Amino acid sequence: MQQFVEIVGTMIVGAVSMRAAYSAISFAGRKYALSRENKKYISQFRAAASRVFRSPPNVQSQAQPLTWKGKRRFRVVKRVYENINEDVCSFYLEPHDGKPIPPFHPGQFLTFAVPAAGQKEPEMRCYSLSETPTAKGYYRVTIKRLDAPYTAPSGTPPGRVSNHFHNALQPGAVVETLAPAGAFRLDQTSNRPIIFIGGGIGITPLLSMLRWLIATRSRREIWFFYGVRNRGEHVMYETLQKLNAHTPNVRLLVAYSQPTPTCRKNVDYHVKGHISAELLRPLLERRNCEIYLCGPNAMMASLRGQLEAIGVPGEDIRTESFGHRAADTAPDAKKESQTGAEPKTGFRIEFARSGRTITWTPRDGTILELAIDNDIKARCSCRQGVCGTCAVKLKDGKIAYRQQPQCNPEPGKCLPCIAKPTSDVVVDL
């Protein structure tokens, strides 16, 4: 741990010197200077994004013709493996109808509808957009193949959808997706120093944020921490190396938890072990930073707890995770449910189809989380009220949503992924 602190301390000293020189050198000589065409596109993107994401919901579809409702078809035009192990692949998607595609906020995702053998309804999966929003005419998602012993939610076979992408989707294949969505997004109005922390495939939305900052020539101080087992699993190695080498205000630190003999210290990675709050402490003591976390659930839970324990305000930590229990995108959403206006006594939730009744308390989170924690099968995907996969009939009782759903369920149904009871309820699960 002392080695961690010494390394980061050295990097901070270098960063101070770098920033002094950085302020004195014009950006005109940067290798990544934007062309006039790109500057014009960024201006158009900002104007379009303002209309798309800030318009009132009841007039949004009329004010911005680039958005779409329901599913839209896209064609795979290219696929690229992004690590040595070739279990992470980027898929480049262009609209099948040839029409323009809307901008998105850095950090958002696409929700795909994938046909499932023996099922009437397609399986829904969310994958983060890994390219900058300034990319023209295409979307890119970067997907990790999920094999055993991964346990998928709701009892579905491990990695069925990710394997479908890897094995079946060659250039020319067509997929269906909902419009870009998600609340885990970069604050594009802030000028505060920023810390990105990614674990494994959790690098994808953070890379979109980083590339957006670089494309818009942001002068924010940026620290990018990436944790992975070893060089074989290191996602987008060359991309990160180039961005770090040619962008003066970006500092990269990579941690390998299980480096192999061929992994090169201070070349491929900087520290051995996991990213921790102690590693970040020298930065946090000197700067008022925003922190964006994305990675496996165990990593998210551990790091968030460590950061809060050393005094980082919860509102400065924004998280998104992949796996069994999605992290709350709103800061401290579950903590607020325990300390705010939530009732102190539990409600009885009857899962009608399963024949079970369980007492809910604010600590249990959403109805979906309660169901999954008690081995009750429930379909789900985005866990943010976006895709509608989890919609079930609310047979009795009342619920409240922890955030405004982006998908309106049919009358008589609710979205248990973001729903909490406000009375005893009966749901068709």
Protein backbone atom coordinates (compact mmCIF):
# COMPACT_ATOMS: atom_id res chain seq x y z
CA MET A 1 0.00 0.00 0.00
CA GLN A 2 2.89 2.35 0.77
CA GLN A 3 4.12 1.68 -2.76
CA PHE A 4 0.72 2.74 -4.10
CA VAL A 5 0.84 6.04 -2.22
CA GLU A 6 4.43 6.78 -3.26
CA ILE A 7 3.62 6.16 -6.93
CA VAL A 8 0.58 8.40 -6.89
CA GLY A 9 2.50 11.06 -4.96
CA THR A 10 5.18 11.05 -7.64
CA MET A 11 2.51 11.32 -10.32
CA ILE A 12 0.95 14.29 -8.55
CA VAL A 13 4.27 16.13 -8.42
CA GLY A 14 4.70 15.42 -12.10
CA ALA A 15 1.16 16.60 -12.75
CA VAL A 16 1.81 19.94 -11.03
CA SER A 17 4.87 20.53 -13.21
CA MET A 18 2.96 19.33 -16.22
CA ARG A 19 0.10 21.73 -15.57
CA ALA A 20 2.50 24.68 -15.26
CA ALA A 21 4.00 23.86 -18.62
CA TYR A 22 0.61 23.00 -19.99
CA SER A 23 -0.78 26.45 -19.23
CA ALA A 24 2.13 28.07 -21.06
CA ILE A 25 1.91 25.98 -24.22
CA SER A 26 -0.70 26.58 -26.87
CA PHE A 27 -3.03 23.76 -27.81
CA ALA A 28 -2.29 24.56 -31.44
CA GLY A 29 0.57 22.05 -31.48
CA ARG A 30 -1.42 19.12 -30.14
CA LYS A 31 -1.53 16.08 -32.38
CA TYR A 32 -5.20 15.73 -31.59
CA ALA A 33 -6.17 19.25 -32.65
CA LEU A 34 -9.58 19.26 -34.22
CA SER A 35 -10.26 20.20 -37.80
CA ARG A 36 -12.75 22.94 -38.62
CA GLU A 37 -15.17 20.25 -39.71
CA ASN A 38 -15.00 18.51 -36.33
CA LYS A 39 -15.42 21.82 -34.48
CA LYS A 40 -18.53 22.51 -36.51
CA TYR A 41 -19.87 19.03 -35.79
CA ILE A 42 -19.29 19.42 -32.05
CA SER A 43 -21.22 22.69 -32.10
CA GLN A 44 -24.07 20.97 -33.93
CA PHE A 45 -23.95 18.08 -31.45
CA ARG A 46 -24.25 20.39 -28.46
CA ALA A 47 -27.24 22.17 -29.97
CA ALA A 48 -28.93 18.88 -30.88
CA ALA A 49 -28.20 17.31 -27.51
CA SER A 50 -29.68 20.33 -25.76
CA ARG A 51 -32.92 19.88 -27.68
CA VAL A 52 -33.05 16.10 -27.25
CA PHE A 53 -32.34 15.83 -23.56
CA ARG A 54 -33.74 19.07 -22.16
CA SER A 55 -37.06 19.28 -23.96
CA PRO A 56 -40.16 18.48 -21.89
CA PRO A 57 -41.25 14.84 -22.39
CA ASN A 58 -44.59 15.78 -23.95
CA VAL A 59 -43.00 17.81 -26.76
CA GLN A 60 -39.68 16.02 -27.15
CA SER A 61 -40.70 13.77 -30.05
CA GLN A 62 -42.10 16.72 -31.98
CA ALA A 63 -39.18 19.05 -31.33
CA GLN A 64 -36.43 16.55 -32.24
CA PRO A 65 -37.05 14.30 -35.26
CA LEU A 66 -33.78 12.40 -34.71
CA THR A 67 -35.09 10.50 -31.69
CA TRP A 68 -37.06 7.30 -32.18
CA LYS A 69 -39.62 5.35 -30.23
CA GLY A 70 -39.53 1.59 -29.84
CA LYS A 71 -36.97 -0.52 -31.67
CA ARG A 72 -34.82 0.55 -34.57
CA ARG A 73 -32.73 -1.65 -36.85
CA PHE A 74 -28.97 -1.23 -37.14
CA ARG A 75 -26.47 -3.05 -39.32
CA VAL A 76 -23.12 -4.31 -38.03
CA VAL A 77 -20.50 -2.75 -40.32
CA LYS A 78 -17.34 -3.70 -38.43
CA ARG A 79 -16.19 -5.67 -35.41
CA VAL A 80 -12.83 -5.34 -33.64
CA TYR A 81 -11.36 -7.38 -30.77
CA GLU A 82 -10.17 -5.07 -28.03
CA ASN A 83 -7.89 -7.30 -25.93
CA ILE A 84 -5.35 -10.09 -26.35
CA ASN A 85 -7.72 -12.75 -25.01
CA GLU A 86 -10.26 -11.79 -27.70
CA ASP A 87 -13.18 -12.03 -25.28
CA VAL A 88 -13.96 -8.31 -25.65
CA CYS A 89 -15.19 -7.10 -29.02
CA SER A 90 -16.39 -3.73 -30.36
CA PHE A 91 -19.34 -3.69 -32.76
CA TYR A 92 -19.78 -0.69 -35.07
CA LEU A 93 -23.42 -0.07 -35.96
CA GLU A 94 -24.95 2.03 -38.71
CA PRO A 95 -28.70 2.70 -39.11
CA HIS A 96 -30.31 0.19 -41.44
CA ASP A 97 -32.61 2.87 -42.87
CA GLY A 98 -29.71 5.20 -43.65
CA LYS A 99 -31.29 8.06 -41.74
CA PRO A 100 -29.44 10.23 -39.17
CA ILE A 101 -28.94 8.98 -35.65
CA PRO A 102 -29.38 11.14 -32.55
CA PRO A 103 -26.55 12.27 -30.30
CA PHE A 104 -26.15 10.79 -26.86
CA HIS A 105 -24.65 11.79 -23.56
CA PRO A 106 -21.19 10.35 -22.82
CA GLY A 107 -21.79 7.34 -20.56
CA GLN A 108 -25.17 6.23 -21.93
CA PHE A 109 -26.08 2.82 -23.35
CA LEU A 110 -28.13 1.05 -26.01
CA THR A 111 -30.76 -1.55 -25.12
CA PHE A 112 -30.80 -4.44 -27.60
CA ALA A 113 -33.68 -6.82 -28.30
CA VAL A 114 -32.22 -10.23 -29.11
CA PRO A 115 -34.44 -13.15 -30.25
CA ALA A 116 -34.37 -16.03 -27.77
CA ALA A 117 -34.96 -19.64 -28.82
CA GLY A 118 -38.19 -21.03 -27.42
CA GLN A 119 -39.41 -17.67 -26.12
CA LYS A 120 -42.07 -15.36 -27.52
CA GLU A 121 -40.40 -12.21 -26.30
CA PRO A 122 -36.80 -11.22 -27.13
CA GLU A 123 -34.20 -10.91 -24.41
CA MET A 124 -33.24 -7.33 -23.61
CA ARG A 125 -29.65 -6.39 -22.81
CA CYS A 126 -28.01 -3.02 -22.25
CA TYR A 127 -24.50 -2.29 -23.52
CA SER A 128 -22.64 0.99 -23.01
CA LEU A 129 -21.72 3.19 -25.94
CA SER A 130 -17.92 3.22 -25.94
CA GLU A 131 -17.25 5.85 -28.62
CA THR A 132 -17.37 9.62 -28.31
CA PRO A 133 -20.72 11.21 -29.20
CA THR A 134 -18.87 13.16 -31.89
CA ALA A 135 -18.43 9.99 -33.97
CA LYS A 136 -20.29 10.54 -37.22
CA GLY A 137 -22.98 8.24 -38.51
CA TYR A 138 -22.41 5.20 -36.30
CA TYR A 139 -22.67 3.86 -32.78
CA ARG A 140 -20.15 1.57 -31.11
CA VAL A 141 -20.73 -0.88 -28.28
CA THR A 142 -17.98 -2.96 -26.72
CA ILE A 143 -19.10 -6.30 -25.29
CA LYS A 144 -17.37 -8.90 -23.15
CA ARG A 145 -18.23 -12.55 -23.67
CA LEU A 146 -19.71 -13.86 -20.41
CA ASP A 147 -18.99 -17.53 -19.83
CA ALA A 148 -19.44 -19.72 -16.76
CA PRO A 149 -19.18 -19.27 -13.81
CA TYR A 150 -21.02 -15.98 -14.43
CA THR A 151 -24.58 -16.15 -13.09
CA ALA A 152 -27.06 -14.16 -15.13
CA PRO A 153 -30.08 -12.49 -13.49
CA SER A 154 -33.51 -14.15 -13.64
CA GLY A 155 -32.13 -17.61 -14.32
CA THR A 156 -31.11 -17.10 -17.95
CA PRO A 157 -28.14 -19.15 -19.21
CA PRO A 158 -24.75 -17.48 -18.68
CA GLY A 159 -23.64 -15.16 -21.45
CA ARG A 160 -26.36 -16.12 -23.90
CA VAL A 161 -26.69 -12.64 -25.37
CA SER A 162 -23.00 -11.72 -25.25
CA ASN A 163 -22.19 -15.06 -26.93
CA HIS A 164 -24.79 -14.30 -29.58
CA PHE A 165 -23.00 -11.04 -30.37
CA HIS A 166 -19.58 -12.67 -30.46
CA ASN A 167 -20.54 -15.80 -32.38
CA ALA A 168 -23.35 -14.70 -34.69
CA LEU A 169 -23.03 -11.00 -35.45
CA GLN A 170 -20.62 -10.62 -38.34
CA PRO A 171 -20.56 -7.55 -40.63
CA GLY A 172 -23.89 -7.34 -42.41
CA ALA A 173 -25.91 -8.71 -39.50
CA VAL A 174 -28.89 -6.65 -38.33
CA VAL A 175 -29.81 -5.93 -34.70
CA GLU A 176 -32.67 -4.05 -33.04
CA THR A 177 -32.12 -1.49 -30.33
CA LEU A 178 -33.90 1.19 -28.35
CA ALA A 179 -32.65 4.78 -28.44
CA PRO A 180 -29.64 5.79 -26.27
CA ALA A 181 -30.58 6.12 -22.62
CA GLY A 182 -29.21 5.97 -19.09
CA ALA A 183 -28.63 8.32 -16.18
CA PHE A 184 -24.91 7.52 -15.78
CA ARG A 185 -23.62 10.40 -17.84
CA LEU A 186 -20.82 12.94 -17.78
CA ASP A 187 -21.55 16.37 -16.34
CA GLN A 188 -20.56 18.40 -19.38
CA THR A 189 -21.00 21.74 -17.58
CA SER A 190 -18.48 21.14 -14.79
CA ASN A 191 -14.86 22.30 -14.74
CA ARG A 192 -13.79 20.38 -11.63
CA PRO A 193 -10.95 17.82 -11.72
CA ILE A 194 -12.31 14.43 -12.65
CA ILE A 195 -11.35 10.88 -11.63
CA PHE A 196 -12.47 7.96 -13.75
CA ILE A 197 -12.23 4.50 -12.16
CA GLY A 198 -12.98 1.51 -14.36
CA GLY A 199 -12.78 -2.20 -13.70
CA GLY A 200 -12.65 -4.73 -16.56
CA ILE A 201 -15.35 -4.11 -19.15
CA GLY A 202 -16.56 -1.20 -16.99
CA ILE A 203 -14.10 0.93 -18.91
CA THR A 204 -16.57 1.34 -21.80
CA PRO A 205 -18.78 4.25 -20.65
CA LEU A 206 -15.78 5.95 -19.06
CA LEU A 207 -13.88 5.78 -22.33
CA SER A 208 -16.80 7.50 -24.05
CA MET A 209 -16.61 10.27 -21.45
CA LEU A 210 -12.84 10.57 -21.79
CA ARG A 211 -12.95 10.76 -25.58
CA TRP A 212 -15.67 13.41 -25.41
CA LEU A 213 -13.53 15.55 -23.10
CA ILE A 214 -10.55 15.22 -25.44
CA ALA A 215 -12.63 15.86 -28.58
CA THR A 216 -14.01 19.06 -27.08
CA ARG A 217 -10.53 20.15 -25.96
CA SER A 218 -11.48 20.23 -22.29
CA ARG A 219 -8.83 21.67 -19.98
CA ARG A 220 -10.11 19.77 -16.97
CA GLU A 221 -7.57 17.79 -14.97
CA ILE A 222 -8.34 14.15 -15.72
CA TRP A 223 -7.12 11.07 -13.86
CA PHE A 224 -7.98 7.68 -15.37
CA PHE A 225 -7.60 4.62 -13.12
CA TYR A 226 -8.12 1.21 -14.68
CA GLY A 227 -8.09 -2.11 -12.86
CA VAL A 228 -7.89 -5.50 -14.57
CA ARG A 229 -6.24 -8.87 -13.96
CA ASN A 230 -3.41 -8.73 -16.50
CA ARG A 231 -2.32 -7.71 -19.99
CA GLY A 232 -4.39 -10.45 -21.63
CA GLU A 233 -7.61 -8.91 -20.28
CA HIS A 234 -6.54 -5.28 -20.66
CA VAL A 235 -9.25 -3.63 -22.79
CA MET A 236 -8.29 -1.03 -25.43
CA TYR A 237 -4.65 -1.02 -24.37
CA GLU A 238 -3.31 0.91 -27.37
CA THR A 239 -6.13 3.46 -27.24
CA LEU A 240 -5.43 4.31 -23.61
CA GLN A 241 -1.69 4.51 -24.20
CA LYS A 242 -2.13 6.96 -27.09
CA LEU A 243 -4.65 9.14 -25.29
CA ASN A 244 -2.37 9.32 -22.27
CA ALA A 245 0.74 10.09 -24.32
CA HIS A 246 -0.75 12.84 -26.47
CA THR A 247 -3.14 14.57 -24.06
CA PRO A 248 -1.32 16.76 -21.51
CA ASN A 249 -4.15 16.98 -18.98
CA VAL A 250 -4.80 13.20 -18.83
CA ARG A 251 -2.94 10.96 -16.38
CA LEU A 252 -3.33 7.17 -16.65
CA LEU A 253 -2.72 4.65 -13.86
CA VAL A 254 -3.29 0.94 -14.47
CA ALA A 255 -3.48 -1.71 -11.73
CA TYR A 256 -3.08 -5.43 -12.49
CA SER A 257 -4.39 -7.69 -9.75
CA GLN A 258 -2.83 -10.85 -11.22
CA PRO A 259 0.04 -9.84 -13.52
CA THR A 260 1.70 -12.65 -15.45
CA PRO A 261 5.47 -12.96 -15.92
CA THR A 262 5.13 -11.31 -19.34
CA CYS A 263 3.36 -8.22 -17.97
CA ARG A 264 5.78 -5.28 -17.92
CA LYS A 265 5.79 -3.11 -14.80
CA ASN A 266 5.65 0.64 -15.56
CA VAL A 267 4.95 -0.15 -19.21
CA ASP A 268 1.78 -2.24 -19.31
CA TYR A 269 0.75 -1.42 -15.74
CA HIS A 270 1.88 0.76 -12.84
CA VAL A 271 0.87 -1.02 -9.63
CA LYS A 272 0.12 -4.58 -8.59
CA GLY A 273 -3.14 -5.03 -6.71
CA HIS A 274 -6.59 -3.48 -6.69
CA ILE A 275 -7.58 0.18 -6.94
CA SER A 276 -8.36 1.45 -3.46
CA ALA A 277 -9.25 4.65 -1.63
CA GLU A 278 -5.72 4.74 -0.21
CA LEU A 279 -4.38 4.86 -3.75
CA LEU A 280 -6.63 7.83 -4.45
CA ARG A 281 -6.16 9.62 -1.13
CA PRO A 282 -3.25 11.89 -2.24
CA LEU A 283 -5.43 13.19 -5.09
CA LEU A 284 -8.54 13.63 -2.99
CA GLU A 285 -6.70 15.54 -0.24
CA ARG A 286 -5.56 18.22 -2.69
CA ARG A 287 -8.46 18.46 -5.13
CA ASN A 288 -12.22 18.89 -5.21
CA CYS A 289 -12.86 16.03 -7.62
CA GLU A 290 -15.81 14.41 -9.32
CA ILE A 291 -15.55 10.61 -9.37
CA TYR A 292 -17.09 8.24 -11.91
CA LEU A 293 -17.00 4.51 -11.09
CA CYS A 294 -17.94 1.62 -13.33
CA GLY A 295 -17.09 -2.05 -13.00
CA PRO A 296 -18.00 -5.31 -11.25
CA ASN A 297 -20.42 -5.04 -8.36
CA ALA A 298 -17.90 -6.18 -5.76
CA MET A 299 -15.49 -3.48 -6.88
CA MET A 300 -18.21 -0.82 -6.83
CA ALA A 301 -19.44 -1.71 -3.36
CA SER A 302 -15.94 -1.84 -1.92
CA LEU A 303 -14.66 1.38 -3.47
CA ARG A 304 -17.74 3.43 -2.74
CA GLY A 305 -17.62 2.38 0.90
CA GLN A 306 -13.91 3.17 1.14
CA LEU A 307 -14.31 6.58 -0.48
CA GLU A 308 -17.18 7.57 1.80
CA ALA A 309 -15.18 6.34 4.80
CA ILE A 310 -12.36 8.79 4.03
CA GLY A 311 -14.80 11.66 3.67
CA VAL A 312 -15.71 11.85 -0.02
CA PRO A 313 -19.27 13.26 -0.29
CA GLY A 314 -21.73 10.79 -1.76
CA GLU A 315 -22.95 13.32 -4.32
CA ASP A 316 -19.44 13.46 -5.80
CA ILE A 317 -19.43 9.71 -6.55
CA ARG A 318 -21.37 8.56 -9.61
CA THR A 319 -21.57 4.85 -10.26
CA GLU A 320 -22.69 2.31 -12.77
CA SER A 321 -22.06 -1.42 -12.55
CA PHE A 322 -22.70 -4.53 -14.60
CA GLY A 323 -23.96 -7.76 -13.13
CA HIS A 324 -26.42 -9.16 -10.61
CA ARG A 325 -27.33 -5.92 -8.85
CA ALA A 326 -27.00 -2.72 -10.83
CA ALA A 327 -25.64 0.23 -8.91
CA ASP A 328 -27.94 3.16 -8.29
CA THR A 329 -27.26 5.88 -10.83
CA ALA A 330 -28.57 8.58 -8.54
CA PRO A 331 -26.10 9.31 -5.72
CA ASP A 332 -26.97 7.46 -2.53
CA ALA A 333 -30.36 6.38 -3.85
CA LYS A 334 -30.63 3.42 -1.54
CA LYS A 335 -29.19 5.32 1.41
CA GLU A 336 -31.80 8.04 0.90
CA SER A 337 -34.51 5.39 0.93
CA GLN A 338 -33.33 4.32 4.40
CA THR A 339 -33.00 7.77 5.93
CA GLY A 340 -35.55 9.91 4.13
CA ALA A 341 -39.32 9.81 4.11
CA GLU A 342 -39.52 6.04 3.70
CA PRO A 343 -41.70 4.20 6.24
CA LYS A 344 -39.86 2.56 9.10
CA THR A 345 -42.17 -0.47 9.09
CA GLY A 346 -42.21 -3.02 6.30
CA PHE A 347 -44.85 -3.74 3.69
CA ARG A 348 -45.95 -7.19 2.64
CA ILE A 349 -45.23 -8.01 -0.99
CA GLU A 350 -47.10 -10.97 -2.41
CA PHE A 351 -45.41 -12.54 -5.42
CA ALA A 352 -48.57 -14.11 -6.82
CA ARG A 353 -47.07 -16.37 -9.48
CA SER A 354 -44.44 -17.74 -7.10
CA GLY A 355 -46.88 -18.19 -4.23
CA ARG A 356 -44.68 -16.35 -1.75
CA THR A 357 -45.18 -13.33 0.49
CA ILE A 358 -42.15 -11.40 1.77
CA THR A 359 -41.94 -8.42 4.08
CA TRP A 360 -40.20 -5.51 2.40
CA THR A 361 -38.15 -2.88 4.23
CA PRO A 362 -36.36 0.15 2.75
CA ARG A 363 -33.08 -1.72 3.08
CA ASP A 364 -34.26 -4.23 0.44
CA GLY A 365 -34.22 -1.60 -2.31
CA THR A 366 -36.58 -2.13 -5.24
CA ILE A 367 -39.22 -4.81 -5.66
CA LEU A 368 -37.04 -6.42 -8.32
CA GLU A 369 -34.02 -6.54 -6.02
CA LEU A 370 -36.15 -8.12 -3.29
CA ALA A 371 -37.39 -10.74 -5.74
CA ILE A 372 -33.93 -11.66 -7.05
CA ASP A 373 -32.43 -11.74 -3.55
CA ASN A 374 -35.08 -14.30 -2.62
CA ASP A 375 -34.60 -16.47 -5.72
CA ILE A 376 -37.84 -15.39 -7.36
CA LYS A 377 -37.48 -15.42 -11.14
CA ALA A 378 -37.94 -12.01 -12.74
CA ARG A 379 -37.08 -10.77 -16.21
CA CYS A 380 -34.88 -7.69 -16.22
CA SER A 381 -32.22 -5.88 -18.20
CA CYS A 382 -31.43 -2.18 -17.77
CA ARG A 383 -32.65 -1.86 -14.13
CA GLN A 384 -33.15 1.86 -14.71
CA GLY A 385 -36.73 2.02 -15.94
CA VAL A 386 -35.62 2.36 -19.56
CA CYS A 387 -36.17 -0.85 -21.51
CA GLY A 388 -39.45 -2.13 -20.02
CA THR A 389 -38.24 -5.74 -19.89
CA CYS A 390 -39.23 -6.17 -16.24
CA ALA A 391 -42.81 -4.82 -16.58
CA VAL A 392 -45.31 -6.92 -14.62
CA LYS A 393 -48.92 -6.62 -13.59
CA LEU A 394 -49.53 -4.74 -10.35
CA LYS A 395 -52.52 -6.70 -9.07
CA ASP A 396 -53.05 -4.73 -5.87
CA GLY A 397 -51.50 -1.96 -3.80
CA LYS A 398 -49.49 1.16 -4.56
CA ILE A 399 -45.89 1.79 -5.54
CA ALA A 400 -43.57 4.75 -6.07
CA TYR A 401 -40.68 5.02 -8.49
CA ARG A 402 -37.27 6.04 -7.16
CA GLN A 403 -36.68 7.93 -10.43
CA GLN A 404 -38.77 8.94 -13.39
CA PRO A 405 -39.17 5.94 -15.74
CA GLN A 406 -38.14 6.47 -19.34
CA CYS A 407 -40.40 3.62 -20.42
CA ASN A 408 -44.12 3.92 -19.72
CA PRO A 409 -45.55 0.48 -18.85
CA GLU A 410 -49.01 -0.58 -20.01
CA PRO A 411 -51.96 0.38 -17.79
CA GLY A 412 -52.10 -1.88 -14.75
CA LYS A 413 -48.41 -2.77 -14.94
CA CYS A 414 -45.35 -1.44 -13.12
CA LEU A 415 -41.57 -1.49 -13.49
CA PRO A 416 -40.28 -3.38 -10.42
CA CYS A 417 -36.66 -2.47 -11.26
CA ILE A 418 -37.23 1.08 -9.99
CA ALA A 419 -40.38 0.54 -7.90
CA LYS A 420 -40.75 0.53 -4.14
CA PRO A 421 -44.02 -0.21 -2.32
CA THR A 422 -45.95 2.47 -0.48
CA SER A 423 -48.50 -0.07 0.78
CA ASP A 424 -48.92 -3.84 0.81
CA VAL A 425 -48.79 -4.93 -2.83
CA VAL A 426 -49.43 -7.95 -5.03
CA VAL A 427 -47.33 -8.33 -8.17
CA ASP A 428 -47.49 -10.98 -10.86
CA LEU A 429 -44.08 -12.56 -10.21
